């Protein structure tokens, strides 16, 4: 009986050792696969809307609260930031921490913050509707 047990154990061990272990090639998945010209060309068409279309879509709705971002949304203010960088810290972004820059940007450089006409139209439309208007900024 002992010889039979040893023989069966030897056969099982032989089959167990005979199968080879398969190691899969490991390659890290890319964090950002990137893009190419073909993919960039596959953009969905833009659906433009007018202020009148927005106003019509709000007809019959009660007054609401609306918010507008200031910098480069309601105002084209990039020229003021460009001037601040050139004036106060051409080699860094330190001008953003300079209170003199912010004083000029908020109170003296109005010619560098140009109101956008479409923003005026949207604000006028919301005023006519009686909406509460809020302006948001990171300043």
N, C-alpha and C. Protein backbone atom coordinates (compact mmCIF):
# COMPACT_ATOMS: atom_id res chain seq x y z
N UNK A 1 0.82 -1.18 0.00
CA UNK A 1 0.00 0.00 0.00
C UNK A 1 0.87 1.25 0.00
N UNK A 2 1.97 1.15 0.71
CA UNK A 2 2.87 2.29 0.81
C UNK A 2 3.49 2.59 -0.53
N UNK A 3 3.83 1.57 -1.30
CA UNK A 3 4.43 1.79 -2.61
C UNK A 3 3.43 2.40 -3.58
N UNK A 4 2.16 2.00 -3.47
CA UNK A 4 1.13 2.57 -4.34
C UNK A 4 0.95 4.06 -4.03
N UNK A 5 0.93 4.41 -2.75
CA UNK A 5 0.78 5.81 -2.34
C UNK A 5 1.95 6.64 -2.85
N UNK A 6 3.16 6.07 -2.73
CA UNK A 6 4.34 6.79 -3.22
C UNK A 6 4.29 6.95 -4.74
N UNK A 7 3.84 5.92 -5.44
CA UNK A 7 3.76 5.99 -6.90
C UNK A 7 2.74 7.03 -7.34
N UNK A 8 1.58 7.05 -6.69
CA UNK A 8 0.55 8.05 -7.03
C UNK A 8 1.06 9.45 -6.71
N UNK A 9 1.73 9.62 -5.60
CA UNK A 9 2.29 10.92 -5.22
C UNK A 9 3.33 11.37 -6.23
N UNK A 10 4.17 10.43 -6.70
CA UNK A 10 5.20 10.77 -7.68
C UNK A 10 4.56 11.20 -9.00
N UNK A 11 3.50 10.51 -9.43
CA UNK A 11 2.82 10.87 -10.67
C UNK A 11 2.19 12.25 -10.53
N UNK A 12 1.53 12.52 -9.41
CA UNK A 12 0.91 13.84 -9.17
C UNK A 12 1.98 14.93 -9.17
N UNK A 13 3.10 14.68 -8.53
CA UNK A 13 4.19 15.65 -8.48
C UNK A 13 4.75 15.88 -9.87
N UNK A 14 4.85 14.82 -10.66
CA UNK A 14 5.35 14.94 -12.03
C UNK A 14 4.43 15.83 -12.86
N UNK A 15 3.10 15.60 -12.76
CA UNK A 15 2.16 16.44 -13.51
C UNK A 15 2.17 17.89 -13.01
N UNK A 16 2.32 18.07 -11.72
CA UNK A 16 2.33 19.43 -11.16
C UNK A 16 3.56 20.20 -11.62
N UNK A 17 4.70 19.55 -11.67
CA UNK A 17 5.93 20.23 -12.07
C UNK A 17 6.07 20.35 -13.58
N UNK A 18 5.30 19.55 -14.32
CA UNK A 18 5.42 19.53 -15.76
C UNK A 18 4.76 20.75 -16.41
N UNK A 19 3.73 21.30 -15.77
CA UNK A 19 3.07 22.47 -16.37
C UNK A 19 3.94 23.70 -16.16
N UNK A 20 4.03 24.51 -17.22
CA UNK A 20 4.89 25.69 -17.12
C UNK A 20 4.07 26.89 -16.68
N UNK A 21 4.70 27.73 -15.93
CA UNK A 21 4.06 28.97 -15.49
C UNK A 21 4.25 30.02 -16.58
N UNK A 22 3.17 30.69 -16.92
CA UNK A 22 3.24 31.71 -17.96
C UNK A 22 3.23 33.08 -17.30
N UNK A 23 4.27 33.83 -17.56
CA UNK A 23 4.34 35.19 -17.03
C UNK A 23 3.90 36.15 -18.12
N UNK A 24 2.96 37.01 -17.79
CA UNK A 24 2.48 37.99 -18.75
C UNK A 24 3.42 39.19 -18.76
N UNK A 25 3.63 39.69 -19.94
CA UNK A 25 4.47 40.88 -20.05
C UNK A 25 3.78 42.03 -19.34
N UNK A 26 4.53 42.72 -18.54
CA UNK A 26 3.98 43.82 -17.77
C UNK A 26 4.42 45.14 -18.39
N UNK A 27 3.46 45.95 -18.72
CA UNK A 27 3.79 47.29 -19.20
C UNK A 27 2.79 48.25 -18.57
N UNK A 28 3.28 49.33 -18.03
CA UNK A 28 2.37 50.27 -17.38
C UNK A 28 1.43 50.91 -18.38
N UNK A 29 0.21 51.11 -17.96
CA UNK A 29 -0.74 51.78 -18.85
C UNK A 29 -0.42 53.27 -18.86
N UNK A 30 -0.52 53.88 -20.00
CA UNK A 30 -0.18 55.31 -20.07
C UNK A 30 -1.17 56.14 -19.26
N UNK A 31 -0.66 57.15 -18.57
CA UNK A 31 -1.52 58.03 -17.78
C UNK A 31 -2.37 58.90 -18.70
N UNK A 32 -1.76 59.38 -19.74
CA UNK A 32 -2.47 60.20 -20.71
C UNK A 32 -2.06 59.72 -22.09
N UNK A 33 -2.95 59.07 -22.80
CA UNK A 33 -2.56 58.52 -24.10
C UNK A 33 -2.26 59.59 -25.14
N UNK A 34 -2.60 60.84 -24.85
CA UNK A 34 -2.31 61.91 -25.79
C UNK A 34 -3.36 62.01 -26.88
N UNK A 35 -3.02 62.72 -27.92
CA UNK A 35 -3.96 62.93 -29.01
C UNK A 35 -3.19 63.01 -30.32
N UNK A 36 -3.90 63.13 -31.38
CA UNK A 36 -3.28 63.31 -32.69
C UNK A 36 -4.18 64.20 -33.52
N UNK A 37 -3.74 64.54 -34.71
CA UNK A 37 -4.48 65.46 -35.56
C UNK A 37 -5.84 64.90 -35.93
N UNK A 38 -5.90 63.61 -36.20
CA UNK A 38 -7.18 63.00 -36.58
C UNK A 38 -8.20 63.11 -35.45
N UNK A 39 -7.75 62.86 -34.23
CA UNK A 39 -8.66 62.94 -33.09
C UNK A 39 -9.10 64.39 -32.85
N UNK A 40 -8.20 65.33 -33.02
CA UNK A 40 -8.55 66.73 -32.84
C UNK A 40 -9.58 67.18 -33.87
N UNK A 41 -9.53 66.60 -35.05
CA UNK A 41 -10.47 66.96 -36.11
C UNK A 41 -11.87 66.39 -35.87
N UNK A 42 -12.01 65.45 -34.93
CA UNK A 42 -13.29 64.79 -34.67
C UNK A 42 -14.13 65.55 -33.65
N UNK A 43 -14.10 66.85 -33.67
CA UNK A 43 -14.86 67.63 -32.70
C UNK A 43 -16.32 67.73 -33.12
N UNK A 44 -17.17 67.78 -32.13
CA UNK A 44 -18.60 67.95 -32.40
C UNK A 44 -18.84 69.36 -32.91
N UNK A 45 -19.82 69.53 -33.77
CA UNK A 45 -20.10 70.87 -34.27
C UNK A 45 -20.58 71.78 -33.14
N UNK A 46 -20.25 73.04 -33.25
CA UNK A 46 -20.64 74.02 -32.24
C UNK A 46 -22.07 74.46 -32.50
N UNK A 47 -22.85 74.52 -31.45
CA UNK A 47 -24.23 75.00 -31.56
C UNK A 47 -24.28 76.39 -30.93
N UNK A 48 -24.25 77.41 -31.77
CA UNK A 48 -24.26 78.79 -31.30
C UNK A 48 -25.67 79.18 -30.91
N UNK A 49 -25.80 79.98 -29.85
CA UNK A 49 -27.10 80.53 -29.47
C UNK A 49 -26.96 82.03 -29.30
N UNK A 50 -28.04 82.73 -29.56
CA UNK A 50 -28.05 84.18 -29.41
C UNK A 50 -28.66 84.55 -28.06
N UNK A 51 -28.48 85.81 -27.69
CA UNK A 51 -29.10 86.30 -26.46
C UNK A 51 -30.62 86.20 -26.58
N UNK A 52 -31.15 86.49 -27.76
CA UNK A 52 -32.60 86.38 -27.98
C UNK A 52 -33.08 84.95 -27.77
N UNK A 53 -32.32 83.96 -28.23
CA UNK A 53 -32.71 82.56 -28.03
C UNK A 53 -32.70 82.20 -26.54
N UNK A 54 -31.70 82.71 -25.82
CA UNK A 54 -31.65 82.46 -24.37
C UNK A 54 -32.86 83.10 -23.70
N UNK A 55 -33.15 84.35 -24.09
CA UNK A 55 -34.30 85.05 -23.51
C UNK A 55 -35.60 84.29 -23.79
N UNK A 56 -35.77 83.81 -25.00
CA UNK A 56 -36.97 83.04 -25.35
C UNK A 56 -37.06 81.74 -24.54
N UNK A 57 -35.92 81.11 -24.27
CA UNK A 57 -35.94 79.87 -23.51
C UNK A 57 -36.31 80.11 -22.05
N UNK A 58 -36.16 81.35 -21.58
CA UNK A 58 -36.49 81.68 -20.19
C UNK A 58 -37.89 82.26 -20.04
N UNK A 59 -38.60 82.46 -21.15
CA UNK A 59 -39.94 83.05 -21.11
C UNK A 59 -40.86 82.20 -20.23
N UNK A 60 -41.60 82.88 -19.36
CA UNK A 60 -42.54 82.19 -18.48
C UNK A 60 -41.92 81.62 -17.22
N UNK A 61 -40.62 81.72 -17.09
CA UNK A 61 -39.97 81.22 -15.88
C UNK A 61 -39.84 82.36 -14.87
N UNK A 62 -39.91 82.05 -13.59
CA UNK A 62 -39.79 83.10 -12.58
C UNK A 62 -38.36 83.64 -12.54
N UNK A 63 -38.19 84.84 -11.95
CA UNK A 63 -36.84 85.39 -11.82
C UNK A 63 -35.92 84.39 -11.11
N UNK A 64 -34.67 84.44 -11.49
CA UNK A 64 -33.69 83.50 -10.96
C UNK A 64 -32.41 84.24 -10.62
N UNK A 65 -31.51 83.57 -9.95
CA UNK A 65 -30.19 84.11 -9.66
C UNK A 65 -29.24 83.64 -10.77
N UNK A 66 -28.48 84.58 -11.31
CA UNK A 66 -27.49 84.24 -12.33
C UNK A 66 -26.14 84.78 -11.89
N UNK A 67 -25.09 84.09 -12.26
CA UNK A 67 -23.75 84.52 -11.90
C UNK A 67 -22.88 84.62 -13.14
N UNK A 68 -22.03 85.63 -13.14
CA UNK A 68 -21.08 85.84 -14.24
C UNK A 68 -19.68 85.95 -13.66
N UNK A 69 -18.75 85.25 -14.25
CA UNK A 69 -17.34 85.42 -13.93
C UNK A 69 -16.90 86.75 -14.54
N UNK A 70 -15.99 87.44 -13.88
CA UNK A 70 -15.58 88.76 -14.37
C UNK A 70 -14.44 88.65 -15.38
N UNK A 71 -13.29 88.15 -14.93
CA UNK A 71 -12.08 88.20 -15.75
C UNK A 71 -12.18 87.28 -16.97
N UNK A 72 -12.05 87.90 -18.13
CA UNK A 72 -12.08 87.24 -19.44
C UNK A 72 -13.39 86.53 -19.72
N UNK A 73 -14.46 86.94 -19.02
CA UNK A 73 -15.81 86.48 -19.35
C UNK A 73 -16.68 87.71 -19.60
N UNK A 74 -16.92 88.50 -18.55
CA UNK A 74 -17.66 89.76 -18.71
C UNK A 74 -16.72 90.85 -19.23
N UNK A 75 -15.50 90.83 -18.74
CA UNK A 75 -14.49 91.80 -19.17
C UNK A 75 -13.36 91.07 -19.88
N UNK A 76 -12.83 91.68 -20.91
CA UNK A 76 -11.59 91.19 -21.52
C UNK A 76 -10.47 91.85 -20.73
N UNK A 77 -9.99 91.16 -19.68
CA UNK A 77 -9.04 91.76 -18.75
C UNK A 77 -7.62 91.24 -18.90
N UNK A 78 -7.38 90.34 -19.84
CA UNK A 78 -6.02 89.82 -20.03
C UNK A 78 -4.98 90.92 -20.24
N UNK A 79 -5.30 92.02 -20.96
CA UNK A 79 -4.28 93.06 -21.12
C UNK A 79 -3.81 93.65 -19.79
N UNK A 80 -4.69 93.76 -18.81
CA UNK A 80 -4.28 94.27 -17.50
C UNK A 80 -3.34 93.32 -16.80
N UNK A 81 -3.62 92.03 -16.89
CA UNK A 81 -2.72 91.05 -16.28
C UNK A 81 -1.38 91.03 -17.01
N UNK A 82 -1.42 91.17 -18.32
CA UNK A 82 -0.17 91.21 -19.10
C UNK A 82 0.66 92.42 -18.67
N UNK A 83 0.01 93.59 -18.54
CA UNK A 83 0.73 94.79 -18.12
C UNK A 83 1.28 94.62 -16.71
N UNK A 84 0.50 94.03 -15.82
CA UNK A 84 0.98 93.81 -14.45
C UNK A 84 2.20 92.92 -14.41
N UNK A 85 2.20 91.88 -15.21
CA UNK A 85 3.37 90.99 -15.26
C UNK A 85 4.59 91.73 -15.77
N UNK A 86 4.42 92.48 -16.88
CA UNK A 86 5.55 93.21 -17.46
C UNK A 86 6.06 94.30 -16.52
N UNK A 87 5.16 94.93 -15.77
CA UNK A 87 5.54 96.04 -14.90
C UNK A 87 6.16 95.56 -13.59
N UNK A 88 5.57 94.54 -12.96
CA UNK A 88 5.97 94.18 -11.60
C UNK A 88 6.84 92.94 -11.48
N UNK A 89 6.71 91.97 -12.36
CA UNK A 89 7.54 90.76 -12.24
C UNK A 89 7.60 90.04 -13.58
N UNK A 90 8.41 90.56 -14.52
CA UNK A 90 8.47 89.97 -15.87
C UNK A 90 8.91 88.50 -15.90
N UNK A 91 9.65 88.07 -14.91
CA UNK A 91 10.20 86.71 -14.93
C UNK A 91 9.41 85.72 -14.08
N UNK A 92 8.32 86.17 -13.43
CA UNK A 92 7.59 85.25 -12.56
C UNK A 92 6.12 85.68 -12.46
N UNK A 93 5.39 84.95 -11.67
CA UNK A 93 3.98 85.27 -11.42
C UNK A 93 3.81 86.01 -10.10
N UNK A 94 4.90 86.53 -9.54
CA UNK A 94 4.84 87.20 -8.24
C UNK A 94 3.96 88.44 -8.25
N UNK A 95 3.74 89.05 -9.40
CA UNK A 95 2.89 90.23 -9.46
C UNK A 95 1.49 89.95 -8.93
N UNK A 96 1.05 88.69 -9.01
CA UNK A 96 -0.28 88.32 -8.53
C UNK A 96 -0.39 88.43 -7.01
N UNK A 97 0.75 88.46 -6.32
CA UNK A 97 0.76 88.60 -4.85
C UNK A 97 1.09 90.03 -4.43
N UNK A 98 1.22 90.92 -5.40
CA UNK A 98 1.62 92.30 -5.12
C UNK A 98 0.37 93.17 -4.95
N UNK A 99 0.16 93.77 -3.76
CA UNK A 99 -1.03 94.60 -3.55
C UNK A 99 -1.07 95.84 -4.45
N UNK A 100 0.09 96.34 -4.87
CA UNK A 100 0.11 97.50 -5.76
C UNK A 100 -0.49 97.12 -7.12
N UNK A 101 -0.16 95.93 -7.61
CA UNK A 101 -0.77 95.46 -8.86
C UNK A 101 -2.28 95.40 -8.73
N UNK A 102 -2.76 94.79 -7.64
CA UNK A 102 -4.21 94.64 -7.48
C UNK A 102 -4.91 95.99 -7.33
N UNK A 103 -4.27 96.94 -6.66
CA UNK A 103 -4.84 98.28 -6.54
C UNK A 103 -5.01 98.90 -7.93
N UNK A 104 -3.97 98.78 -8.76
CA UNK A 104 -4.06 99.34 -10.11
C UNK A 104 -5.07 98.56 -10.96
N UNK A 105 -5.06 97.25 -10.85
CA UNK A 105 -5.96 96.43 -11.66
C UNK A 105 -7.42 96.70 -11.31
N UNK A 106 -7.71 96.89 -10.02
CA UNK A 106 -9.09 97.08 -9.58
C UNK A 106 -9.56 98.52 -9.64
N UNK A 107 -8.64 99.49 -9.58
CA UNK A 107 -9.05 100.88 -9.46
C UNK A 107 -8.41 101.85 -10.44
N UNK A 108 -7.49 101.42 -11.26
CA UNK A 108 -6.82 102.40 -12.10
C UNK A 108 -6.60 102.00 -13.54
N UNK A 109 -6.68 100.74 -13.83
CA UNK A 109 -6.38 100.30 -15.19
C UNK A 109 -7.66 99.91 -15.93
N UNK A 110 -8.67 100.75 -15.85
CA UNK A 110 -9.94 100.42 -16.52
C UNK A 110 -9.78 100.25 -18.02
N UNK A 111 -8.82 100.98 -18.61
CA UNK A 111 -8.63 100.86 -20.06
C UNK A 111 -8.09 99.48 -20.45
N UNK A 112 -7.65 98.70 -19.46
CA UNK A 112 -7.15 97.36 -19.74
C UNK A 112 -8.18 96.27 -19.43
N UNK A 113 -9.38 96.67 -19.03
CA UNK A 113 -10.47 95.72 -18.79
C UNK A 113 -11.66 96.17 -19.63
N UNK A 114 -11.75 95.62 -20.81
CA UNK A 114 -12.72 96.05 -21.81
C UNK A 114 -13.99 95.21 -21.68
N UNK A 115 -15.15 95.85 -21.44
CA UNK A 115 -16.40 95.08 -21.35
C UNK A 115 -16.72 94.38 -22.68
N UNK A 116 -17.19 93.15 -22.59
CA UNK A 116 -17.59 92.41 -23.79
C UNK A 116 -19.05 92.74 -24.11
N UNK A 117 -19.32 93.03 -25.37
CA UNK A 117 -20.66 93.44 -25.79
C UNK A 117 -21.70 92.37 -25.50
N UNK A 118 -21.39 91.12 -25.74
CA UNK A 118 -22.37 90.06 -25.49
C UNK A 118 -22.66 89.95 -23.99
N UNK A 119 -21.68 90.24 -23.16
CA UNK A 119 -21.92 90.24 -21.71
C UNK A 119 -22.89 91.35 -21.34
N UNK A 120 -22.72 92.53 -21.93
CA UNK A 120 -23.66 93.63 -21.69
C UNK A 120 -25.08 93.22 -22.08
N UNK A 121 -25.21 92.59 -23.23
CA UNK A 121 -26.54 92.18 -23.70
C UNK A 121 -27.17 91.15 -22.74
N UNK A 122 -26.36 90.20 -22.28
CA UNK A 122 -26.88 89.19 -21.35
C UNK A 122 -27.30 89.82 -20.03
N UNK A 123 -26.47 90.73 -19.51
CA UNK A 123 -26.79 91.39 -18.25
C UNK A 123 -28.06 92.22 -18.41
N UNK A 124 -28.17 92.98 -19.50
CA UNK A 124 -29.39 93.77 -19.76
C UNK A 124 -30.63 92.87 -19.81
N UNK A 125 -30.51 91.73 -20.45
CA UNK A 125 -31.63 90.80 -20.56
C UNK A 125 -32.05 90.32 -19.17
N UNK A 126 -31.08 89.99 -18.33
CA UNK A 126 -31.40 89.50 -16.98
C UNK A 126 -31.97 90.63 -16.11
N UNK A 127 -31.51 91.86 -16.30
CA UNK A 127 -32.08 93.00 -15.57
C UNK A 127 -33.55 93.18 -15.96
N UNK A 128 -33.85 93.11 -17.25
CA UNK A 128 -35.23 93.25 -17.72
C UNK A 128 -36.13 92.16 -17.13
N UNK A 129 -35.58 90.97 -16.96
CA UNK A 129 -36.36 89.85 -16.40
C UNK A 129 -36.55 89.98 -14.90
N UNK A 130 -35.74 90.82 -14.24
CA UNK A 130 -35.82 90.95 -12.79
C UNK A 130 -34.99 89.91 -12.06
N UNK A 131 -34.03 89.31 -12.75
CA UNK A 131 -33.17 88.30 -12.13
C UNK A 131 -32.17 88.96 -11.18
N UNK A 132 -31.75 88.20 -10.16
CA UNK A 132 -30.67 88.65 -9.27
C UNK A 132 -29.36 88.30 -9.95
N UNK A 133 -28.48 89.29 -10.10
CA UNK A 133 -27.23 89.10 -10.83
C UNK A 133 -26.07 89.17 -9.85
N UNK A 134 -25.18 88.18 -9.94
CA UNK A 134 -24.00 88.12 -9.10
C UNK A 134 -22.77 88.06 -9.99
N UNK A 135 -21.72 88.74 -9.55
CA UNK A 135 -20.46 88.71 -10.28
C UNK A 135 -19.45 87.97 -9.41
N UNK A 136 -18.74 87.04 -10.02
CA UNK A 136 -17.81 86.17 -9.32
C UNK A 136 -16.41 86.46 -9.82
N UNK A 137 -15.46 86.50 -8.89
CA UNK A 137 -14.07 86.71 -9.30
C UNK A 137 -13.13 86.02 -8.34
N UNK A 138 -11.97 85.70 -8.82
CA UNK A 138 -10.92 85.13 -7.97
C UNK A 138 -9.99 86.21 -7.45
N UNK A 139 -10.30 87.47 -7.76
CA UNK A 139 -9.42 88.56 -7.33
C UNK A 139 -9.38 88.61 -5.86
